[in-house]
Amino acid sequence: MVADLNMNIEITIVPTVREDDGLAMSSRNSYLSPAERRAATVLFRALTLARKMNLEGERDANNLRQQMSSLIQKEPLAHIDYVSVADADTLEELSLLDKNALAMLAVRIGKTRLIDNILLE
């Protein structure tokens, strides 16, 4: 949007601040019960799975989405809103990883909707 609207703004990407177990720090985490809090670590596990597969040479974005979804579905308290592998600049879904991409997801744990992402280079 910044580029499309020719805005004089520089966007700086910084790493997500995470808890020791990988869960992204968020005020939403306070809404999680202890069991839900443990279940929420599945988000980071799914994202790191995508990164590991990508680093090992996987370029099929559909396979990455499917593997992340399968891992999340093993957690009974998790309900997927979306799992995405998209172009890091345009956020358009990819079928082949031939450029920098973002693995992104939104998952409901109980009544709390958590979002997270990780850069795939």
PDB file of N, CA and C in Angstrom:
ATOM      1  N   MET A   1       0.832  -1.180   0.000  1.00  0.00           N
ATOM      2  CA  MET A   1       0.000   0.000   0.000  1.00  0.00           C
ATOM      3  C   MET A   1       0.883   1.252   0.000  1.00  0.00           C
ATOM      4  N   VAL A   2       1.962   1.220   0.769  1.00  0.00           N
ATOM      5  CA  VAL A   2       2.862   2.372   0.815  1.00  0.00           C
ATOM      6  C   VAL A   2       3.420   2.659  -0.571  1.00  0.00           C
ATOM      7  N   ALA A   3       3.862   1.613  -1.287  1.00  0.00           N
ATOM      8  CA  ALA A   3       4.390   1.796  -2.638  1.00  0.00           C
ATOM      9  C   ALA A   3       3.291   2.198  -3.607  1.00  0.00           C
ATOM     10  N   ASP A   4       2.133   1.527  -3.532  1.00  0.00           N
ATOM     11  CA  ASP A   4       1.031   1.821  -4.445  1.00  0.00           C
ATOM     12  C   ASP A   4       0.553   3.268  -4.325  1.00  0.00           C
ATOM     13  N   LEU A   5       0.544   3.798  -3.126  1.00  0.00           N
ATOM     14  CA  LEU A   5       0.072   5.162  -2.898  1.00  0.00           C
ATOM     15  C   LEU A   5       1.201   6.188  -2.894  1.00  0.00           C
ATOM     16  N   ASN A   6       2.428   5.707  -3.204  1.00  0.00           N
ATOM     17  CA  ASN A   6       3.594   6.585  -3.284  1.00  0.00           C
ATOM     18  C   ASN A   6       3.762   7.415  -2.015  1.00  0.00           C
ATOM     19  N   MET A   7       3.618   6.741  -0.869  1.00  0.00           N
ATOM     20  CA  MET A   7       3.749   7.416   0.418  1.00  0.00           C
ATOM     21  C   MET A   7       5.231   7.548   0.773  1.00  0.00           C
ATOM     22  N   ASN A   8       5.587   8.636   1.380  1.00  0.00           N
ATOM     23  CA  ASN A   8       6.962   8.873   1.787  1.00  0.00           C
ATOM     24  C   ASN A   8       7.190   8.248   3.169  1.00  0.00           C
ATOM     25  N   ILE A   9       7.095   6.915   3.211  1.00  0.00           N
ATOM     26  CA  ILE A   9       7.231   6.163   4.454  1.00  0.00           C
ATOM     27  C   ILE A   9       8.172   4.994   4.206  1.00  0.00           C
ATOM     28  N   GLU A  10       9.050   4.750   5.154  1.00  0.00           N
ATOM     29  CA  GLU A  10       9.919   3.574   5.073  1.00  0.00           C
ATOM     30  C   GLU A  10       9.435   2.551   6.088  1.00  0.00           C
ATOM     31  N   ILE A  11       9.192   1.334   5.604  1.00  0.00           N
ATOM     32  CA  ILE A  11       8.754   0.256   6.481  1.00  0.00           C
ATOM     33  C   ILE A  11       9.978  -0.560   6.865  1.00  0.00           C
ATOM     34  N   THR A  12      10.162  -0.750   8.159  1.00  0.00           N
ATOM     35  CA  THR A  12      11.280  -1.533   8.672  1.00  0.00           C
ATOM     36  C   THR A  12      10.727  -2.807   9.291  1.00  0.00           C
ATOM     37  N   ILE A  13      11.182  -3.942   8.788  1.00  0.00           N
ATOM     38  CA  ILE A  13      10.742  -5.227   9.311  1.00  0.00           C
ATOM     39  C   ILE A  13      11.658  -5.606  10.463  1.00  0.00           C
ATOM     40  N   VAL A  14      11.053  -5.958  11.581  1.00  0.00           N
ATOM     41  CA  VAL A  14      11.821  -6.379  12.753  1.00  0.00           C
ATOM     42  C   VAL A  14      11.317  -7.751  13.198  1.00  0.00           C
ATOM     43  N   PRO A  15      12.167  -8.509  13.879  1.00  0.00           N
ATOM     44  CA  PRO A  15      11.726  -9.831  14.339  1.00  0.00           C
ATOM     45  C   PRO A  15      10.587  -9.721  15.357  1.00  0.00           C
ATOM     46  N   THR A  16       9.718 -10.709  15.347  1.00  0.00           N
ATOM     47  CA  THR A  16       8.640 -10.797  16.323  1.00  0.00           C
ATOM     48  C   THR A  16       9.233 -11.100  17.693  1.00  0.00           C
ATOM     49  N   VAL A  17       8.777 -10.395  18.707  1.00  0.00           N
ATOM     50  CA  VAL A  17       9.209 -10.667  20.071  1.00  0.00           C
ATOM     51  C   VAL A  17       8.394 -11.860  20.566  1.00  0.00           C
ATOM     52  N   ARG A  18       9.090 -12.865  21.099  1.00  0.00           N
ATOM     53  CA  ARG A  18       8.444 -14.118  21.454  1.00  0.00           C
ATOM     54  C   ARG A  18       8.711 -14.500  22.909  1.00  0.00           C
ATOM     55  N   GLU A  19       7.766 -15.274  23.446  1.00  0.00           N
ATOM     56  CA  GLU A  19       7.959 -15.883  24.759  1.00  0.00           C
ATOM     57  C   GLU A  19       9.023 -16.970  24.610  1.00  0.00           C
ATOM     58  N   ASP A  20       9.488 -17.524  25.720  1.00  0.00           N
ATOM     59  CA  ASP A  20      10.526 -18.562  25.682  1.00  0.00           C
ATOM     60  C   ASP A  20      10.110 -19.780  24.869  1.00  0.00           C
ATOM     61  N   ASP A  21       8.810 -20.090  24.838  1.00  0.00           N
ATOM     62  CA  ASP A  21       8.328 -21.261  24.095  1.00  0.00           C
ATOM     63  C   ASP A  21       7.968 -20.942  22.652  1.00  0.00           C
ATOM     64  N   GLY A  22       8.233 -19.722  22.199  1.00  0.00           N
ATOM     65  CA  GLY A  22       8.011 -19.349  20.812  1.00  0.00           C
ATOM     66  C   GLY A  22       6.730 -18.580  20.551  1.00  0.00           C
ATOM     67  N   LEU A  23       5.785 -18.592  21.468  1.00  0.00           N
ATOM     68  CA  LEU A  23       4.539 -17.875  21.244  1.00  0.00           C
ATOM     69  C   LEU A  23       4.822 -16.376  21.131  1.00  0.00           C
ATOM     70  N   ALA A  24       4.255 -15.757  20.099  1.00  0.00           N
ATOM     71  CA  ALA A  24       4.433 -14.317  19.919  1.00  0.00           C
ATOM     72  C   ALA A  24       3.842 -13.573  21.113  1.00  0.00           C
ATOM     73  N   MET A  25       4.580 -12.604  21.641  1.00  0.00           N
ATOM     74  CA  MET A  25       4.078 -11.819  22.758  1.00  0.00           C
ATOM     75  C   MET A  25       2.908 -10.968  22.284  1.00  0.00           C
ATOM     76  N   SER A  26       1.828 -11.031  23.033  1.00  0.00           N
ATOM     77  CA  SER A  26       0.623 -10.297  22.685  1.00  0.00           C
ATOM     78  C   SER A  26      -0.243 -10.145  23.929  1.00  0.00           C
ATOM     79  N   SER A  27      -0.958  -9.036  23.996  1.00  0.00           N
ATOM     80  CA  SER A  27      -1.898  -8.863  25.104  1.00  0.00           C
ATOM     81  C   SER A  27      -3.005  -9.914  25.033  1.00  0.00           C
ATOM     82  N   ARG A  28      -3.260 -10.458  23.847  1.00  0.00           N
ATOM     83  CA  ARG A  28      -4.287 -11.501  23.707  1.00  0.00           C
ATOM     84  C   ARG A  28      -3.932 -12.768  24.486  1.00  0.00           C
ATOM     85  N   ASN A  29      -2.655 -13.004  24.712  1.00  0.00           N
ATOM     86  CA  ASN A  29      -2.245 -14.214  25.428  1.00  0.00           C
ATOM     87  C   ASN A  29      -2.838 -14.266  26.832  1.00  0.00           C
ATOM     88  N   SER A  30      -3.145 -13.107  27.405  1.00  0.00           N
ATOM     89  CA  SER A  30      -3.701 -13.077  28.762  1.00  0.00           C
ATOM     90  C   SER A  30      -5.116 -13.664  28.814  1.00  0.00           C
ATOM     91  N   TYR A  31      -5.771 -13.784  27.665  1.00  0.00           N
ATOM     92  CA  TYR A  31      -7.115 -14.367  27.618  1.00  0.00           C
ATOM     93  C   TYR A  31      -7.092 -15.895  27.622  1.00  0.00           C
ATOM     94  N   LEU A  32      -5.921 -16.488  27.453  1.00  0.00           N
ATOM     95  CA  LEU A  32      -5.794 -17.938  27.359  1.00  0.00           C
ATOM     96  C   LEU A  32      -5.745 -18.578  28.741  1.00  0.00           C
ATOM     97  N   SER A  33      -6.471 -19.667  28.909  1.00  0.00           N
ATOM     98  CA  SER A  33      -6.353 -20.470  30.131  1.00  0.00           C
ATOM     99  C   SER A  33      -4.996 -21.174  30.090  1.00  0.00           C
ATOM    100  N   PRO A  34      -4.541 -21.752  31.193  1.00  0.00           N
ATOM    101  CA  PRO A  34      -3.260 -22.470  31.160  1.00  0.00           C
ATOM    102  C   PRO A  34      -3.218 -23.559  30.078  1.00  0.00           C
ATOM    103  N   ALA A  35      -4.307 -24.312  29.903  1.00  0.00           N
ATOM    104  CA  ALA A  35      -4.337 -25.364  28.868  1.00  0.00           C
ATOM    105  C   ALA A  35      -4.303 -24.745  27.473  1.00  0.00           C
ATOM    106  N   GLU A  36      -5.031 -23.657  27.289  1.00  0.00           N
ATOM    107  CA  GLU A  36      -5.027 -22.981  25.990  1.00  0.00           C
ATOM    108  C   GLU A  36      -3.663 -22.372  25.700  1.00  0.00           C
ATOM    109  N   ARG A  37      -3.027 -21.857  26.726  1.00  0.00           N
ATOM    110  CA  ARG A  37      -1.693 -21.258  26.562  1.00  0.00           C
ATOM    111  C   ARG A  37      -0.701 -22.309  26.067  1.00  0.00           C
ATOM    112  N   ARG A  38      -0.774 -23.521  26.636  1.00  0.00           N
ATOM    113  CA  ARG A  38       0.097 -24.616  26.178  1.00  0.00           C
ATOM    114  C   ARG A  38      -0.242 -24.996  24.737  1.00  0.00           C
ATOM    115  N   ALA A  39      -1.518 -25.044  24.423  1.00  0.00           N
ATOM    116  CA  ALA A  39      -1.950 -25.403  23.066  1.00  0.00           C
ATOM    117  C   ALA A  39      -1.503 -24.369  22.042  1.00  0.00           C
ATOM    118  N   ALA A  40      -1.428 -23.112  22.435  1.00  0.00           N
ATOM    119  CA  ALA A  40      -1.092 -22.021  21.517  1.00  0.00           C
ATOM    120  C   ALA A  40       0.314 -22.128  20.940  1.00  0.00           C
ATOM    121  N   THR A  41       1.171 -22.900  21.561  1.00  0.00           N
ATOM    122  CA  THR A  41       2.532 -23.056  21.020  1.00  0.00           C
ATOM    123  C   THR A  41       2.520 -23.757  19.669  1.00  0.00           C
ATOM    124  N   VAL A  42       1.397 -24.348  19.289  1.00  0.00           N
ATOM    125  CA  VAL A  42       1.305 -25.017  17.993  1.00  0.00           C
ATOM    126  C   VAL A  42       1.481 -24.017  16.845  1.00  0.00           C
ATOM    127  N   LEU A  43       1.157 -22.753  17.059  1.00  0.00           N
ATOM    128  CA  LEU A  43       1.336 -21.759  16.002  1.00  0.00           C
ATOM    129  C   LEU A  43       2.807 -21.644  15.619  1.00  0.00           C
ATOM    130  N   PHE A  44       3.657 -21.452  16.613  1.00  0.00           N
ATOM    131  CA  PHE A  44       5.084 -21.307  16.321  1.00  0.00           C
ATOM    132  C   PHE A  44       5.674 -22.602  15.787  1.00  0.00           C
ATOM    133  N   ARG A  45       5.195 -23.739  16.294  1.00  0.00           N
ATOM    134  CA  ARG A  45       5.689 -25.018  15.779  1.00  0.00           C
ATOM    135  C   ARG A  45       5.345 -25.175  14.298  1.00  0.00           C
ATOM    136  N   ALA A  46       4.159 -24.746  13.903  1.00  0.00           N
ATOM    137  CA  ALA A  46       3.761 -24.833  12.491  1.00  0.00           C
ATOM    138  C   ALA A  46       4.603 -23.897  11.627  1.00  0.00           C
ATOM    139  N   LEU A  47       4.842 -22.699  12.117  1.00  0.00           N
ATOM    140  CA  LEU A  47       5.658 -21.755  11.353  1.00  0.00           C
ATOM    141  C   LEU A  47       7.101 -22.223  11.227  1.00  0.00           C
ATOM    142  N   THR A  48       7.657 -22.759  12.303  1.00  0.00           N
ATOM    143  CA  THR A  48       9.043 -23.234  12.227  1.00  0.00           C
ATOM    144  C   THR A  48       9.143 -24.478  11.353  1.00  0.00           C
ATOM    145  N   LEU A  49       8.075 -25.273  11.285  1.00  0.00           N
ATOM    146  CA  LEU A  49       8.058 -26.399  10.360  1.00  0.00           C
ATOM    147  C   LEU A  49       8.156 -25.892   8.922  1.00  0.00           C
ATOM    148  N   ALA A  50       7.394 -24.865   8.590  1.00  0.00           N
ATOM    149  CA  ALA A  50       7.453 -24.286   7.246  1.00  0.00           C
ATOM    150  C   ALA A  50       8.849 -23.756   6.943  1.00  0.00           C
ATOM    151  N   ARG A  51       9.436 -23.063   7.910  1.00  0.00           N
ATOM    152  CA  ARG A  51      10.787 -22.529   7.688  1.00  0.00           C
ATOM    153  C   ARG A  51      11.794 -23.664   7.482  1.00  0.00           C
ATOM    154  N   LYS A  52      11.706 -24.711   8.297  1.00  0.00           N
ATOM    155  CA  LYS A  52      12.629 -25.850   8.179  1.00  0.00           C
ATOM    156  C   LYS A  52      12.474 -26.513   6.818  1.00  0.00           C
ATOM    157  N   MET A  53      11.239 -26.759   6.403  1.00  0.00           N
ATOM    158  CA  MET A  53      11.003 -27.385   5.101  1.00  0.00           C
ATOM    159  C   MET A  53      11.550 -26.521   3.979  1.00  0.00           C
ATOM    160  N   ASN A  54      11.340 -25.203   4.073  1.00  0.00           N
ATOM    161  CA  ASN A  54      11.844 -24.285   3.061  1.00  0.00           C
ATOM    162  C   ASN A  54      13.366 -24.297   3.019  1.00  0.00           C
ATOM    163  N   LEU A  55      14.005 -24.266   4.180  1.00  0.00           N
ATOM    164  CA  LEU A  55      15.471 -24.296   4.232  1.00  0.00           C
ATOM    165  C   LEU A  55      16.032 -25.606   3.677  1.00  0.00           C
ATOM    166  N   GLU A  56      15.240 -26.678   3.782  1.00  0.00           N
ATOM    167  CA  GLU A  56      15.652 -27.975   3.254  1.00  0.00           C
ATOM    168  C   GLU A  56      15.340 -28.128   1.771  1.00  0.00           C
ATOM    169  N   GLY A  57      14.792 -27.074   1.158  1.00  0.00           N
ATOM    170  CA  GLY A  57      14.592 -27.092  -0.290  1.00  0.00           C
ATOM    171  C   GLY A  57      13.157 -27.198  -0.771  1.00  0.00           C
ATOM    172  N   GLU A  58      12.186 -27.287   0.115  1.00  0.00           N
ATOM    173  CA  GLU A  58      10.786 -27.371  -0.318  1.00  0.00           C
ATOM    174  C   GLU A  58      10.358 -26.039  -0.921  1.00  0.00           C
ATOM    175  N   ARG A  59       9.839 -26.063  -2.126  1.00  0.00           N
ATOM    176  CA  ARG A  59       9.406 -24.849  -2.814  1.00  0.00           C
ATOM    177  C   ARG A  59       7.916 -24.859  -3.149  1.00  0.00           C
ATOM    178  N   ASP A  60       7.236 -25.958  -2.860  1.00  0.00           N
ATOM    179  CA  ASP A  60       5.809 -26.082  -3.137  1.00  0.00           C
ATOM    180  C   ASP A  60       5.022 -25.443  -1.983  1.00  0.00           C
ATOM    181  N   ALA A  61       4.476 -24.258  -2.234  1.00  0.00           N
ATOM    182  CA  ALA A  61       3.760 -23.528  -1.181  1.00  0.00           C
ATOM    183  C   ALA A  61       2.527 -24.286  -0.714  1.00  0.00           C
ATOM    184  N   ASN A  62       1.868 -24.991  -1.614  1.00  0.00           N
ATOM    185  CA  ASN A  62       0.696 -25.768  -1.217  1.00  0.00           C
ATOM    186  C   ASN A  62       1.078 -26.853  -0.225  1.00  0.00           C
ATOM    187  N   ASN A  63       2.223 -27.473  -0.432  1.00  0.00           N
ATOM    188  CA  ASN A  63       2.687 -28.495   0.502  1.00  0.00           C
ATOM    189  C   ASN A  63       3.001 -27.876   1.864  1.00  0.00           C
ATOM    190  N   LEU A  64       3.616 -26.717   1.876  1.00  0.00           N
ATOM    191  CA  LEU A  64       3.897 -26.040   3.147  1.00  0.00           C
ATOM    192  C   LEU A  64       2.596 -25.732   3.891  1.00  0.00           C
ATOM    193  N   ARG A  65       1.605 -25.193   3.172  1.00  0.00           N
ATOM    194  CA  ARG A  65       0.316 -24.901   3.806  1.00  0.00           C
ATOM    195  C   ARG A  65      -0.311 -26.169   4.374  1.00  0.00           C
ATOM    196  N   GLN A  66      -0.248 -27.244   3.598  1.00  0.00           N
ATOM    197  CA  GLN A  66      -0.856 -28.505   4.031  1.00  0.00           C
ATOM    198  C   GLN A  66      -0.150 -29.063   5.257  1.00  0.00           C
ATOM    199  N   GLN A  67       1.163 -29.008   5.291  1.00  0.00           N
ATOM    200  CA  GLN A  67       1.917 -29.531   6.430  1.00  0.00           C
ATOM    201  C   GLN A  67       1.674 -28.698   7.683  1.00  0.00           C
ATOM    202  N   MET A  68       1.623 -27.369   7.531  1.00  0.00           N
ATOM    203  CA  MET A  68       1.324 -26.518   8.682  1.00  0.00           C
ATOM    204  C   MET A  68      -0.087 -26.810   9.204  1.00  0.00           C
ATOM    205  N   SER A  69      -1.047 -26.919   8.291  1.00  0.00           N
ATOM    206  CA  SER A  69      -2.433 -27.200   8.685  1.00  0.00           C
ATOM    207  C   SER A  69      -2.537 -28.540   9.395  1.00  0.00           C
ATOM    208  N   SER A  70      -1.865 -29.550   8.872  1.00  0.00           N
ATOM    209  CA  SER A  70      -1.913 -30.879   9.493  1.00  0.00           C
ATOM    210  C   SER A  70      -1.386 -30.847  10.919  1.00  0.00           C
ATOM    211  N   LEU A  71      -0.295 -30.127  11.125  1.00  0.00           N
ATOM    212  CA  LEU A  71       0.276 -30.027  12.469  1.00  0.00           C
ATOM    213  C   LEU A  71      -0.698 -29.317  13.414  1.00  0.00           C
ATOM    214  N   ILE A  72      -1.286 -28.231  12.972  1.00  0.00           N
ATOM    215  CA  ILE A  72      -2.214 -27.478  13.816  1.00  0.00           C
ATOM    216  C   ILE A  72      -3.448 -28.313  14.143  1.00  0.00           C
ATOM    217  N   GLN A  73      -3.937 -29.067  13.178  1.00  0.00           N
ATOM    218  CA  GLN A  73      -5.137 -29.873  13.380  1.00  0.00           C
ATOM    219  C   GLN A  73      -4.936 -30.983  14.407  1.00  0.00           C
ATOM    220  N   LYS A  74      -3.699 -31.317  14.706  1.00  0.00           N
ATOM    221  CA  LYS A  74      -3.426 -32.322  15.744  1.00  0.00           C
ATOM    222  C   LYS A  74      -3.669 -31.775  17.147  1.00  0.00           C
ATOM    223  N   GLU A  75      -3.770 -30.461  17.264  1.00  0.00           N
ATOM    224  CA  GLU A  75      -4.030 -29.824  18.556  1.00  0.00           C
ATOM    225  C   GLU A  75      -5.543 -29.642  18.704  1.00  0.00           C
ATOM    226  N   PRO A  76      -6.183 -30.377  19.619  1.00  0.00           N
ATOM    227  CA  PRO A  76      -7.654 -30.331  19.743  1.00  0.00           C
ATOM    228  C   PRO A  76      -8.228 -28.948  20.065  1.00  0.00           C
ATOM    229  N   LEU A  77      -7.478 -28.101  20.736  1.00  0.00           N
ATOM    230  CA  LEU A  77      -8.001 -26.781  21.104  1.00  0.00           C
ATOM    231  C   LEU A  77      -7.838 -25.741  19.999  1.00  0.00           C
ATOM    232  N   ALA A  78      -7.156 -26.104  18.915  1.00  0.00           N
ATOM    233  CA  ALA A  78      -6.858 -25.158  17.836  1.00  0.00           C
ATOM    234  C   ALA A  78      -7.877 -25.284  16.707  1.00  0.00           C
ATOM    235  N   HIS A  79      -8.336 -24.137  16.231  1.00  0.00           N
ATOM    236  CA  HIS A  79      -9.270 -24.081  15.102  1.00  0.00           C
ATOM    237  C   HIS A  79      -8.732 -23.055  14.109  1.00  0.00           C
ATOM    238  N   ILE A  80      -8.378 -23.518  12.930  1.00  0.00           N
ATOM    239  CA  ILE A  80      -7.711 -22.680  11.926  1.00  0.00           C
ATOM    240  C   ILE A  80      -8.697 -21.708  11.284  1.00  0.00           C
ATOM    241  N   ASP A  81      -8.312 -20.425  11.252  1.00  0.00           N
ATOM    242  CA  ASP A  81      -9.014 -19.437  10.428  1.00  0.00           C
ATOM    243  C   ASP A  81      -8.373 -19.403   9.049  1.00  0.00           C
ATOM    244  N   TYR A  82      -7.036 -19.313   9.011  1.00  0.00           N
ATOM    245  CA  TYR A  82      -6.333 -19.411   7.731  1.00  0.00           C
ATOM    246  C   TYR A  82      -4.889 -19.808   7.950  1.00  0.00           C
ATOM    247  N   VAL A  83      -4.328 -20.429   6.928  1.00  0.00           N
ATOM    248  CA  VAL A  83      -2.904 -20.727   6.831  1.00  0.00           C
ATOM    249  C   VAL A  83      -2.488 -20.248   5.454  1.00  0.00           C
ATOM    250  N   SER A  84      -1.461 -19.424   5.398  1.00  0.00           N
ATOM    251  CA  SER A  84      -1.090 -18.764   4.155  1.00  0.00           C
ATOM    252  C   SER A  84       0.417 -18.855   3.923  1.00  0.00           C
ATOM    253  N   VAL A  85       0.790 -18.974   2.668  1.00  0.00           N
ATOM    254  CA  VAL A  85       2.179 -18.793   2.240  1.00  0.00           C
ATOM    255  C   VAL A  85       2.095 -17.813   1.075  1.00  0.00           C
ATOM    256  N   ALA A  86       2.579 -16.602   1.304  1.00  0.00           N
ATOM    257  CA  ALA A  86       2.347 -15.519   0.357  1.00  0.00           C
ATOM    258  C   ALA A  86       3.615 -14.734   0.075  1.00  0.00           C
ATOM    259  N   ASP A  87       3.607 -14.043  -1.044  1.00  0.00           N
ATOM    260  CA  ASP A  87       4.696 -13.147  -1.430  1.00  0.00           C
ATOM    261  C   ASP A  87       4.905 -12.136  -0.306  1.00  0.00           C
ATOM    262  N   ALA A  88       6.147 -11.980   0.120  1.00  0.00           N
ATOM    263  CA  ALA A  88       6.457 -11.098   1.254  1.00  0.00           C
ATOM    264  C   ALA A  88       6.163  -9.634   0.951  1.00  0.00           C
ATOM    265  N   ASP A  89       6.156  -9.247  -0.323  1.00  0.00           N
ATOM    266  CA  ASP A  89       5.906  -7.845  -0.676  1.00  0.00           C
ATOM    267  C   ASP A  89       4.442  -7.564  -0.980  1.00  0.00           C
ATOM    268  N   THR A  90       3.790  -8.466  -1.710  1.00  0.00           N
ATOM    269  CA  THR A  90       2.426  -8.203  -2.171  1.00  0.00           C
ATOM    270  C   THR A  90       1.361  -8.918  -1.353  1.00  0.00           C
ATOM    271  N   LEU A  91       1.759  -9.915  -0.576  1.00  0.00           N
ATOM    272  CA  LEU A  91       0.868 -10.774   0.206  1.00  0.00           C
ATOM    273  C   LEU A  91      -0.063 -11.612  -0.672  1.00  0.00           C
ATOM    274  N   GLU A  92       0.285 -11.760  -1.944  1.00  0.00           N
ATOM    275  CA  GLU A  92      -0.472 -12.646  -2.831  1.00  0.00           C
ATOM    276  C   GLU A  92      -0.036 -14.079  -2.555  1.00  0.00           C
ATOM    277  N   GLU A  93      -1.031 -14.984  -2.485  1.00  0.00           N
ATOM    278  CA  GLU A  93      -0.730 -16.395  -2.254  1.00  0.00           C
ATOM    279  C   GLU A  93       0.193 -16.912  -3.346  1.00  0.00           C
ATOM    280  N   LEU A  94       1.125 -17.755  -2.937  1.00  0.00           N
ATOM    281  CA  LEU A  94       2.076 -18.343  -3.875  1.00  0.00           C
ATOM    282  C   LEU A  94       1.771 -19.818  -4.076  1.00  0.00           C
ATOM    283  N   SER A  95       2.127 -20.324  -5.234  1.00  0.00           N
ATOM    284  CA  SER A  95       2.106 -21.768  -5.454  1.00  0.00           C
ATOM    285  C   SER A  95       3.532 -22.299  -5.444  1.00  0.00           C
ATOM    286  N   LEU A  96       4.488 -21.444  -5.811  1.00  0.00           N
ATOM    287  CA  LEU A  96       5.902 -21.815  -5.844  1.00  0.00           C
ATOM    288  C   LEU A  96       6.708 -20.753  -5.109  1.00  0.00           C
ATOM    289  N   LEU A  97       7.593 -21.186  -4.213  1.00  0.00           N
ATOM    290  CA  LEU A  97       8.443 -20.241  -3.496  1.00  0.00           C
ATOM    291  C   LEU A  97       9.682 -19.963  -4.336  1.00  0.00           C
ATOM    292  N   ASP A  98       9.631 -18.880  -5.090  1.00  0.00           N
ATOM    293  CA  ASP A  98      10.765 -18.468  -5.901  1.00  0.00           C
ATOM    294  C   ASP A  98      11.202 -17.050  -5.542  1.00  0.00           C
ATOM    295  N   LYS A  99      10.701 -16.579  -4.388  1.00  0.00           N
ATOM    296  CA  LYS A  99      11.030 -15.244  -3.870  1.00  0.00           C
ATOM    297  C   LYS A  99      10.783 -15.274  -2.367  1.00  0.00           C
ATOM    298  N   ASN A 100      11.147 -14.196  -1.692  1.00  0.00           N
ATOM    299  CA  ASN A 100      10.867 -14.132  -0.260  1.00  0.00           C
ATOM    300  C   ASN A 100       9.370 -14.255  -0.025  1.00  0.00           C
ATOM    301  N   ALA A 101       9.019 -15.033   0.988  1.00  0.00           N
ATOM    302  CA  ALA A 101       7.620 -15.289   1.282  1.00  0.00           C
ATOM    303  C   ALA A 101       7.378 -15.173   2.774  1.00  0.00           C
ATOM    304  N   LEU A 102       6.121 -15.048   3.124  1.00  0.00           N
ATOM    305  CA  LEU A 102       5.697 -15.079   4.517  1.00  0.00           C
ATOM    306  C   LEU A 102       4.799 -16.278   4.715  1.00  0.00           C
ATOM    307  N   ALA A 103       5.079 -17.051   5.742  1.00  0.00           N
ATOM    308  CA  ALA A 103       4.141 -18.052   6.214  1.00  0.00           C
ATOM    309  C   ALA A 103       3.336 -17.343   7.294  1.00  0.00           C
ATOM    310  N   MET A 104       2.018 -17.323   7.127  1.00  0.00           N
ATOM    311  CA  MET A 104       1.149 -16.579   8.044  1.00  0.00           C
ATOM    312  C   MET A 104      -0.015 -17.469   8.449  1.00  0.00           C
ATOM    313  N   LEU A 105      -0.515 -17.235   9.656  1.00  0.00           N
ATOM    314  CA  LEU A 105      -1.666 -18.013  10.089  1.00  0.00           C
ATOM    315  C   LEU A 105      -2.462 -17.263  11.130  1.00  0.00           C
ATOM    316  N   ALA A 106      -3.727 -17.630  11.206  1.00  0.00           N
ATOM    317  CA  ALA A 106      -4.628 -17.164  12.262  1.00  0.00           C
ATOM    318  C   ALA A 106      -5.335 -18.402  12.782  1.00  0.00           C
ATOM    319  N   VAL A 107      -5.262 -18.574  14.093  1.00  0.00           N
ATOM    320  CA  VAL A 107      -5.805 -19.777  14.721  1.00  0.00           C
ATOM    321  C   VAL A 107      -6.552 -19.354  15.980  1.00  0.00           C
ATOM    322  N   ARG A 108      -7.718 -19.909  16.159  1.00  0.00           N
ATOM    323  CA  ARG A 108      -8.468 -19.670  17.392  1.00  0.00           C
ATOM    324  C   ARG A 108      -8.123 -20.766  18.391  1.00  0.00           C
ATOM    325  N   ILE A 109      -7.735 -20.321  19.566  1.00  0.00           N
ATOM    326  CA  ILE A 109      -7.500 -21.226  20.693  1.00  0.00           C
ATOM    327  C   ILE A 109      -8.551 -20.818  21.724  1.00  0.00           C
ATOM    328  N   GLY A 110      -9.548 -21.663  21.917  1.00  0.00           N
ATOM    329  CA  GLY A 110     -10.683 -21.247  22.727  1.00  0.00           C
ATOM    330  C   GLY A 110     -11.378 -20.099  22.028  1.00  0.00           C
ATOM    331  N   LYS A 111     -11.607 -18.998  22.743  1.00  0.00           N
ATOM    332  CA  LYS A 111     -12.263 -17.825  22.155  1.00  0.00           C
ATOM    333  C   LYS A 111     -11.264 -16.786  21.655  1.00  0.00           C
ATOM    334  N   THR A 112      -9.972 -17.094  21.795  1.00  0.00           N
ATOM    335  CA  THR A 112      -8.934 -16.122  21.459  1.00  0.00           C
ATOM    336  C   THR A 112      -8.379 -16.392  20.071  1.00  0.00           C
ATOM    337  N   ARG A 113      -8.383 -15.362  19.229  1.00  0.00           N
ATOM    338  CA  ARG A 113      -7.824 -15.488  17.882  1.00  0.00           C
ATOM    339  C   ARG A 113      -6.381 -14.990  17.914  1.00  0.00           C
ATOM    340  N   LEU A 114      -5.464 -15.891  17.595  1.00  0.00           N
ATOM    341  CA  LEU A 114      -4.043 -15.555  17.573  1.00  0.00           C
ATOM    342  C   LEU A 114      -3.553 -15.532  16.128  1.00  0.00           C
ATOM    343  N   ILE A 115      -2.679 -14.581  15.837  1.00  0.00           N
ATOM    344  CA  ILE A 115      -2.074 -14.486  14.512  1.00  0.00           C
ATOM    345  C   ILE A 115      -0.568 -14.509  14.683  1.00  0.00           C
ATOM    346  N   ASP A 116       0.118 -14.996  13.653  1.00  0.00           N
ATOM    347  CA  ASP A 116       1.584 -15.026  13.682  1.00  0.00           C
ATOM    348  C   ASP A 116       2.087 -15.199  12.263  1.00  0.00           C
ATOM    349  N   ASN A 117       3.356 -14.925  12.060  1.00  0.00           N
ATOM    350  CA  ASN A 117       3.970 -15.107  10.751  1.00  0.00           C
ATOM    351  C   ASN A 117       5.466 -15.277  10.902  1.00  0.00           C
ATOM    352  N   ILE A 118       6.079 -15.787   9.834  1.00  0.00           N
ATOM    353  CA  ILE A 118       7.516 -15.965   9.822  1.00  0.00           C
ATOM    354  C   ILE A 118       7.990 -15.771   8.380  1.00  0.00           C
ATOM    355  N   LEU A 119       9.132 -15.152   8.222  1.00  0.00           N
ATOM    356  CA  LEU A 119       9.697 -14.909   6.894  1.00  0.00           C
ATOM    357  C   LEU A 119      10.369 -16.171   6.373  1.00  0.00           C
ATOM    358  N   LEU A 120      10.087 -16.513   5.131  1.00  0.00           N
ATOM    359  CA  LEU A 120      10.733 -17.616   4.445  1.00  0.00           C
ATOM    360  C   LEU A 120      11.606 -17.016   3.364  1.00  0.00           C
ATOM    361  N   GLU A 121      12.928 -17.157   3.511  1.00  0.00           N
ATOM    362  CA  GLU A 121      13.845 -16.536   2.536  1.00  0.00           C
ATOM    363  C   GLU A 121      14.471 -17.590   1.662  1.00  0.00           C
TER     364      GLU A 121
END
